[in-house]
Amino acid sequence: MATTKENTKDCLGMWVTADGHVRQELLPNGRYDEARGNRKSAYQGKYWIEGDHIDYKDDTGFTADGEFRDGVLYHGGMIFYKEK
């Protein structure tokens, strides 16, 4: 996982939409696991963080990206909040 963000460890863990429907866990090994509704592990793949930018590549080859701003993750038209 290429990282330049000083607080990358702050990015690790579970990120959740306000309604709890989408839950995305950023794992320390550079992989993520995303659940949607009752569907656990709906998407899995790799991620890379550079600065405030995050890139995703799921195991099927689909790519996406997002951005961390003020402790919030913006990704795929959704807003994620870090689960405490």
Foldseek 3Di string as FASTA:
>chain_A
DDEDAPVVVLVAAWWAFPVRQKIKGQHPVQKIAIHGHVRGRPWIFGWDYYHQKIWTATPVGDIWIWGDDPQWIQTPNTIIHHDD
